[in-house]
Amino acid sequence: MLRRSCAAPPIAVPNFPALRGVDLHFQAAVFRSPGGAFSDTLDLSAGLRLQVGS
């Protein structure tokens, strides 16, 4: 089952209009051997997308 959540924490962003609407993508990787999901060496988190602006 795919879970989606939404949050809007206040984060200070410089007053630079070109940043509005920019998408930021994050993901974590952890080395793990054996048994990782990626070639038995890495475990990967679910991705996170943040959009600057409202």
N, C-alpha and C. Protein backbone atom coordinates (compact mmCIF):
# COMPACT_ATOMS: atom_id res chain seq x y z
N MET A 1 0.84 -1.18 0.00
CA MET A 1 0.00 0.00 0.00
C MET A 1 0.89 1.25 0.00
N LEU A 2 0.64 2.15 -0.88
CA LEU A 2 1.39 3.39 -0.98
C LEU A 2 0.78 4.43 -0.05
N ARG A 3 1.62 4.97 0.85
CA ARG A 3 1.14 6.00 1.77
C ARG A 3 1.71 7.34 1.34
N ARG A 4 0.89 8.33 1.34
CA ARG A 4 1.32 9.69 1.02
C ARG A 4 0.91 10.59 2.16
N SER A 5 1.80 11.51 2.49
CA SER A 5 1.47 12.46 3.54
C SER A 5 1.85 13.85 3.09
N CYS A 6 1.33 14.83 3.76
CA CYS A 6 1.59 16.21 3.41
C CYS A 6 1.84 17.00 4.68
N ALA A 7 2.86 17.83 4.66
CA ALA A 7 3.16 18.69 5.80
C ALA A 7 3.68 20.02 5.28
N ALA A 8 3.53 21.05 6.08
CA ALA A 8 3.99 22.38 5.67
C ALA A 8 4.71 23.06 6.82
N PRO A 9 5.92 22.57 7.16
CA PRO A 9 6.66 23.23 8.25
C PRO A 9 7.26 24.54 7.77
N PRO A 10 7.31 25.56 8.63
CA PRO A 10 7.90 26.83 8.24
C PRO A 10 9.43 26.72 8.17
N ILE A 11 10.00 27.00 7.03
CA ILE A 11 11.44 26.98 6.81
C ILE A 11 11.82 28.30 6.17
N ALA A 12 12.86 28.94 6.68
CA ALA A 12 13.31 30.23 6.13
C ALA A 12 13.94 30.03 4.75
N VAL A 13 13.44 30.74 3.75
CA VAL A 13 13.94 30.67 2.39
C VAL A 13 14.30 32.10 1.96
N PRO A 14 15.45 32.29 1.32
CA PRO A 14 15.82 33.64 0.88
C PRO A 14 14.76 34.25 -0.05
N ASN A 15 14.60 35.55 0.00
CA ASN A 15 13.64 36.24 -0.85
C ASN A 15 14.22 36.35 -2.27
N PHE A 16 14.13 35.25 -3.00
CA PHE A 16 14.67 35.16 -4.35
C PHE A 16 13.60 34.51 -5.22
N PRO A 17 12.87 35.30 -6.03
CA PRO A 17 11.71 34.81 -6.77
C PRO A 17 11.97 33.58 -7.65
N ALA A 18 13.20 33.39 -8.12
CA ALA A 18 13.49 32.25 -8.99
C ALA A 18 13.38 30.92 -8.25
N LEU A 19 13.41 30.95 -6.92
CA LEU A 19 13.30 29.71 -6.14
C LEU A 19 11.87 29.21 -6.02
N ARG A 20 10.89 30.09 -6.23
CA ARG A 20 9.49 29.70 -6.07
C ARG A 20 9.12 28.60 -7.06
N GLY A 21 8.58 27.52 -6.54
CA GLY A 21 8.16 26.40 -7.37
C GLY A 21 9.25 25.38 -7.67
N VAL A 22 10.46 25.59 -7.16
CA VAL A 22 11.55 24.64 -7.39
C VAL A 22 11.29 23.36 -6.59
N ASP A 23 11.47 22.20 -7.21
CA ASP A 23 11.33 20.92 -6.53
C ASP A 23 12.69 20.45 -6.05
N LEU A 24 12.75 20.01 -4.80
CA LEU A 24 13.96 19.44 -4.22
C LEU A 24 13.69 17.97 -3.92
N HIS A 25 14.59 17.09 -4.32
CA HIS A 25 14.41 15.65 -4.13
C HIS A 25 15.49 15.11 -3.20
N PHE A 26 15.08 14.26 -2.24
CA PHE A 26 16.00 13.69 -1.27
C PHE A 26 15.77 12.18 -1.17
N GLN A 27 16.85 11.46 -0.91
CA GLN A 27 16.75 10.03 -0.64
C GLN A 27 17.99 9.61 0.14
N ALA A 28 17.82 8.66 1.04
CA ALA A 28 18.94 8.18 1.85
C ALA A 28 19.33 6.77 1.41
N ALA A 29 20.62 6.48 1.52
CA ALA A 29 21.14 5.15 1.23
C ALA A 29 22.06 4.72 2.37
N VAL A 30 21.94 3.46 2.75
CA VAL A 30 22.76 2.91 3.82
C VAL A 30 23.45 1.66 3.31
N PHE A 31 24.78 1.59 3.49
CA PHE A 31 25.51 0.38 3.10
C PHE A 31 25.16 -0.74 4.06
N ARG A 32 24.82 -1.88 3.50
CA ARG A 32 24.46 -3.04 4.31
C ARG A 32 24.82 -4.28 3.52
N SER A 33 25.60 -5.14 4.09
CA SER A 33 25.99 -6.35 3.38
C SER A 33 25.97 -7.52 4.34
N PRO A 34 25.42 -8.62 4.00
CA PRO A 34 24.56 -8.91 2.86
C PRO A 34 23.09 -8.59 3.16
N GLY A 35 22.27 -8.67 2.16
CA GLY A 35 20.84 -8.55 2.34
C GLY A 35 20.22 -7.22 1.98
N GLY A 36 20.99 -6.29 1.41
CA GLY A 36 20.40 -5.01 1.00
C GLY A 36 19.52 -5.18 -0.23
N ALA A 37 18.70 -4.21 -0.48
CA ALA A 37 17.76 -4.28 -1.60
C ALA A 37 18.44 -4.04 -2.94
N PHE A 38 19.56 -3.35 -2.94
CA PHE A 38 20.24 -3.02 -4.20
C PHE A 38 21.56 -3.78 -4.28
N SER A 39 21.58 -4.86 -5.02
CA SER A 39 22.80 -5.64 -5.23
C SER A 39 23.39 -6.16 -3.92
N ASP A 40 22.55 -6.40 -2.94
CA ASP A 40 22.99 -6.89 -1.63
C ASP A 40 24.00 -5.97 -0.96
N THR A 41 24.02 -4.69 -1.31
CA THR A 41 24.95 -3.76 -0.66
C THR A 41 24.29 -2.49 -0.13
N LEU A 42 23.16 -2.09 -0.67
CA LEU A 42 22.52 -0.84 -0.24
C LEU A 42 21.07 -1.05 0.15
N ASP A 43 20.65 -0.35 1.19
CA ASP A 43 19.23 -0.20 1.50
C ASP A 43 18.88 1.24 1.18
N LEU A 44 17.75 1.45 0.50
CA LEU A 44 17.35 2.79 0.08
C LEU A 44 16.05 3.19 0.78
N SER A 45 15.96 4.46 1.17
CA SER A 45 14.74 4.98 1.76
C SER A 45 13.75 5.34 0.66
N ALA A 46 12.53 5.59 1.07
CA ALA A 46 11.55 6.14 0.14
C ALA A 46 11.98 7.57 -0.17
N GLY A 47 11.74 8.03 -1.37
CA GLY A 47 12.14 9.38 -1.76
C GLY A 47 11.27 10.44 -1.10
N LEU A 48 11.79 11.64 -1.05
CA LEU A 48 11.08 12.79 -0.49
C LEU A 48 11.18 13.94 -1.46
N ARG A 49 10.04 14.55 -1.82
CA ARG A 49 10.04 15.71 -2.70
C ARG A 49 9.51 16.90 -1.93
N LEU A 50 10.26 17.99 -1.95
CA LEU A 50 9.85 19.25 -1.34
C LEU A 50 9.72 20.30 -2.42
N GLN A 51 8.67 21.12 -2.33
CA GLN A 51 8.50 22.21 -3.29
C GLN A 51 8.59 23.54 -2.57
N VAL A 52 9.43 24.45 -3.06
CA VAL A 52 9.62 25.76 -2.46
C VAL A 52 8.44 26.65 -2.83
N GLY A 53 7.88 27.31 -1.85
CA GLY A 53 6.74 28.20 -2.09
C GLY A 53 5.44 27.59 -1.65
N SER A 54 4.36 28.30 -1.88
CA SER A 54 3.06 27.81 -1.42
C SER A 54 2.24 27.32 -2.58
